[in-house]
Amino acid sequence: MAGLILFNKPFQVLSQFTDRERADEQSAVPRRTLADYLQAPGFRVAGRLDYDSEGLLLLTDDGRLQQQIANPRSKTWKTYWVQVEGLVDAHSLQQLASGLKLKDGLTRPAQVRVLPEPAQLWPRDPPIRTRATQPTSWLELKIREGRNRQVRRMTAAVGHPTLRLVRVAIGDWELGGLASGSWQRQEIHMPRRRAGKRHD
């Protein structure tokens, strides 16, 4: 059995247990890490989530499961709710869905739709800065890649910078009603490795 932790990562929390970059900077204000919310010896993060993004983060104590979740070759769908600047039209949706040319290459086709503002989302702390004259939209965006800050770069490329980004699902694992900063543990049955064929 493999252990799996589902954690709802708050805004401005590192997806690691220590702040390595500032470990030697005594005068720097320490950033919050996973250690501020849970103790999980032997568990490692399976797929990162940016410091300024929120939502579902998976941790496991099983190396095979970690690779299965995090390896881009597994093409696991990741679902995000994204608040962006402006009103998103059909043309922008089509661009996001078809693939965009970013600095590191063409993105794979995505799934995207406009959402009403999600009523079940917790307030962000601190809240986003909005302008009364600047409308915003919510999108549900599903991708099968893990490039650095990919969702933010995709929405910016179509003229709608991201204001808030929340990951709500990774494959079949969903955030559900897990409160921000909370976690739950599951046990996952992992099939045994098949023995390789012998060639005498």
Protein backbone atom coordinates (compact mmCIF):
# COMPACT_ATOMS: atom_id res chain seq x y z
CA MET A 1 0.00 0.00 0.00
CA ALA A 2 1.13 3.52 -0.79
CA GLY A 3 0.37 6.47 1.41
CA LEU A 4 -1.10 9.57 -0.23
CA ILE A 5 -1.80 12.97 1.31
CA LEU A 6 -4.18 15.47 -0.29
CA PHE A 7 -3.30 18.98 0.89
CA ASN A 8 -5.10 22.23 0.10
CA LYS A 9 -2.12 24.55 -0.24
CA PRO A 10 -2.86 28.16 0.73
CA PHE A 11 -1.62 31.20 -1.19
CA GLN A 12 2.06 32.04 -0.69
CA VAL A 13 3.12 28.70 0.76
CA LEU A 14 6.10 26.82 -0.70
CA SER A 15 5.48 23.31 -2.06
CA GLN A 16 8.30 21.95 0.11
CA PHE A 17 9.07 21.45 3.78
CA THR A 18 11.96 23.95 4.03
CA ASP A 19 12.76 27.32 2.49
CA ARG A 20 16.17 26.38 1.10
CA GLU A 21 16.71 29.67 -0.74
CA ARG A 22 16.49 31.70 2.45
CA ALA A 23 17.96 29.22 4.91
CA ASP A 24 21.18 31.23 5.16
CA GLU A 25 19.58 34.68 5.07
CA GLN A 26 18.93 35.45 8.71
CA SER A 27 17.50 38.88 7.98
CA ALA A 28 14.99 37.63 5.38
CA VAL A 29 11.36 37.15 6.35
CA PRO A 30 10.77 33.38 6.30
CA ARG A 31 8.23 32.09 3.84
CA ARG A 32 5.61 29.57 4.90
CA THR A 33 6.27 25.95 3.93
CA LEU A 34 4.45 22.63 4.15
CA ALA A 35 6.01 22.15 7.60
CA ASP A 36 3.75 24.93 8.90
CA TYR A 37 0.72 22.74 8.17
CA LEU A 38 1.66 19.05 8.40
CA GLN A 39 4.27 16.63 9.59
CA ALA A 40 4.80 13.81 7.08
CA PRO A 41 8.16 12.03 7.42
CA GLY A 42 8.96 10.01 4.33
CA PHE A 43 6.46 11.82 2.11
CA ARG A 44 7.50 13.75 -1.00
CA VAL A 45 5.59 16.16 -3.19
CA ALA A 46 4.23 14.62 -6.41
CA GLY A 47 4.02 17.56 -8.80
CA ARG A 48 4.66 21.09 -7.63
CA LEU A 49 2.33 24.05 -7.23
CA ASP A 50 3.64 27.61 -7.49
CA TYR A 51 4.16 29.74 -4.38
CA ASP A 52 1.43 32.15 -5.50
CA SER A 53 -1.04 29.44 -6.54
CA GLU A 54 -3.50 27.60 -4.32
CA GLY A 55 -5.27 24.29 -4.12
CA LEU A 56 -4.59 20.59 -4.46
CA LEU A 57 -1.09 19.32 -3.77
CA LEU A 58 -0.36 15.59 -3.55
CA LEU A 59 2.35 14.00 -1.40
CA THR A 60 3.24 10.32 -1.28
CA ASP A 61 5.66 7.94 0.42
CA ASP A 62 5.82 5.71 -2.67
CA GLY A 63 8.35 6.51 -5.41
CA ARG A 64 6.40 4.72 -8.15
CA LEU A 65 3.22 6.62 -7.33
CA GLN A 66 5.16 9.88 -7.24
CA GLN A 67 6.48 9.21 -10.75
CA GLN A 68 3.06 8.14 -11.98
CA ILE A 69 1.54 11.45 -10.85
CA ALA A 70 4.36 13.87 -11.62
CA ASN A 71 5.95 12.48 -14.79
CA PRO A 72 4.76 14.49 -17.84
CA ARG A 73 4.77 11.27 -19.88
CA SER A 74 1.84 10.00 -17.81
CA LYS A 75 -0.24 12.89 -19.27
CA THR A 76 -2.32 13.22 -16.11
CA TRP A 77 -5.04 15.86 -16.46
CA LYS A 78 -4.76 18.72 -13.97
CA THR A 79 -7.78 20.96 -13.45
CA TYR A 80 -7.53 24.63 -12.48
CA TRP A 81 -10.03 27.35 -11.68
CA VAL A 82 -8.53 30.58 -12.94
CA GLN A 83 -9.66 34.14 -12.35
CA VAL A 84 -8.40 36.39 -15.14
CA GLU A 85 -8.60 40.02 -16.13
CA GLY A 86 -11.27 40.98 -18.67
CA LEU A 87 -14.17 39.15 -20.30
CA VAL A 88 -12.99 36.07 -22.15
CA ASP A 89 -14.51 35.61 -25.62
CA ALA A 90 -14.90 32.53 -27.82
CA HIS A 91 -11.74 33.32 -29.80
CA SER A 92 -9.58 33.32 -26.66
CA LEU A 93 -11.16 30.06 -25.51
CA GLN A 94 -10.37 28.48 -28.86
CA GLN A 95 -6.74 29.64 -28.66
CA LEU A 96 -6.34 28.15 -25.19
CA ALA A 97 -7.94 24.87 -26.24
CA SER A 98 -6.03 24.46 -29.49
CA GLY A 99 -2.53 25.15 -28.18
CA LEU A 100 -0.44 28.27 -27.81
CA LYS A 101 3.11 29.04 -28.85
CA LEU A 102 5.05 29.95 -25.71
CA LYS A 103 8.77 30.62 -25.33
CA ASP A 104 9.38 26.94 -24.55
CA GLY A 105 7.28 25.62 -27.42
CA LEU A 106 3.71 24.82 -28.38
CA THR A 107 1.35 23.76 -25.60
CA ARG A 108 -0.71 20.60 -25.94
CA PRO A 109 -4.45 20.97 -26.59
CA ALA A 110 -6.31 21.85 -23.39
CA GLN A 111 -9.90 21.76 -22.19
CA VAL A 112 -11.37 25.12 -21.20
CA ARG A 113 -14.73 26.67 -20.40
CA VAL A 114 -16.05 29.81 -18.74
CA LEU A 115 -17.25 29.33 -15.15
CA PRO A 116 -19.52 31.36 -12.92
CA GLU A 117 -17.59 32.62 -9.90
CA PRO A 118 -17.09 29.49 -7.72
CA ALA A 119 -19.20 30.01 -4.61
CA GLN A 120 -17.40 27.25 -2.70
CA LEU A 121 -13.97 28.92 -2.87
CA TRP A 122 -12.51 30.28 0.34
CA PRO A 123 -11.49 33.98 0.53
CA ARG A 124 -7.88 34.49 -0.44
CA ASP A 125 -5.57 36.04 2.16
CA PRO A 126 -4.60 38.65 1.13
CA PRO A 127 -7.41 39.25 -1.36
CA ILE A 128 -6.63 39.99 -5.00
CA ARG A 129 -6.55 43.62 -6.08
CA THR A 130 -9.44 44.39 -8.37
CA ARG A 131 -10.58 47.57 -10.11
CA ALA A 132 -14.22 48.52 -10.36
CA THR A 133 -13.73 49.44 -14.03
CA GLN A 134 -11.96 46.17 -14.90
CA PRO A 135 -14.25 43.12 -15.14
CA THR A 136 -12.89 39.64 -14.47
CA SER A 137 -13.76 36.14 -15.67
CA TRP A 138 -13.42 32.66 -14.20
CA LEU A 139 -12.23 29.74 -16.31
CA GLU A 140 -11.93 26.03 -15.77
CA LEU A 141 -8.73 25.00 -17.54
CA LYS A 142 -7.48 21.42 -17.83
CA ILE A 143 -3.95 20.66 -19.03
CA ARG A 144 -1.77 17.53 -19.26
CA GLU A 145 1.61 19.26 -18.93
CA GLY A 146 3.68 20.64 -16.10
CA ARG A 147 5.67 23.52 -17.52
CA ASN A 148 6.80 26.29 -15.22
CA ARG A 149 3.91 28.72 -14.57
CA GLN A 150 2.18 27.36 -17.65
CA VAL A 151 -1.41 28.38 -16.90
CA ARG A 152 -0.40 31.95 -16.10
CA ARG A 153 1.64 32.17 -19.31
CA MET A 154 -1.23 30.73 -21.36
CA THR A 155 -3.83 33.22 -20.13
CA ALA A 156 -1.38 36.12 -20.53
CA ALA A 157 -0.69 35.02 -24.12
CA VAL A 158 -4.37 35.52 -25.01
CA GLY A 159 -4.56 38.91 -23.27
CA HIS A 160 -6.09 37.83 -19.96
CA PRO A 161 -3.51 37.89 -17.14
CA THR A 162 -4.22 35.53 -14.24
CA LEU A 163 -5.33 37.11 -10.97
CA ARG A 164 -5.99 33.95 -8.96
CA LEU A 165 -5.12 30.33 -9.68
CA VAL A 166 -6.57 27.34 -7.80
CA ARG A 167 -5.87 23.70 -8.68
CA VAL A 168 -8.95 21.62 -7.91
CA ALA A 169 -8.05 18.19 -9.33
CA ILE A 170 -5.13 16.01 -10.38
CA GLY A 171 -6.34 13.00 -12.34
CA ASP A 172 -9.06 11.32 -10.25
CA TRP A 173 -8.05 13.08 -7.03
CA GLU A 174 -10.21 16.13 -6.26
CA LEU A 175 -9.96 18.92 -3.73
CA GLY A 176 -13.64 18.50 -2.80
CA GLY A 177 -14.56 20.27 0.43
CA LEU A 178 -11.03 20.26 1.87
CA ALA A 179 -10.50 23.63 3.58
CA SER A 180 -7.49 25.80 2.79
CA GLY A 181 -4.53 24.63 4.87
CA SER A 182 -6.15 21.26 5.64
CA TRP A 183 -5.13 17.77 4.52
CA GLN A 184 -6.33 14.19 4.48
CA ARG A 185 -4.55 10.89 4.08
CA GLN A 186 -5.48 7.95 1.86
CA GLU A 187 -4.01 4.50 1.26
CA ILE A 188 -3.57 3.49 -2.38
CA HIS A 189 -3.14 -0.08 -3.58
CA MET A 190 -0.20 -0.22 -5.98
CA PRO A 191 0.06 -3.28 -8.25
CA ARG A 192 3.26 -5.25 -7.95
CA ARG A 193 5.91 -4.80 -10.59
CA ARG A 194 5.90 -7.47 -13.22
CA ALA A 195 9.02 -9.57 -13.27
CA GLY A 196 11.06 -9.18 -16.44
CA LYS A 197 11.37 -12.07 -18.84
CA ARG A 198 14.53 -14.08 -18.68
CA HIS A 199 16.49 -14.68 -21.84
CA ASP A 200 18.72 -17.75 -21.47
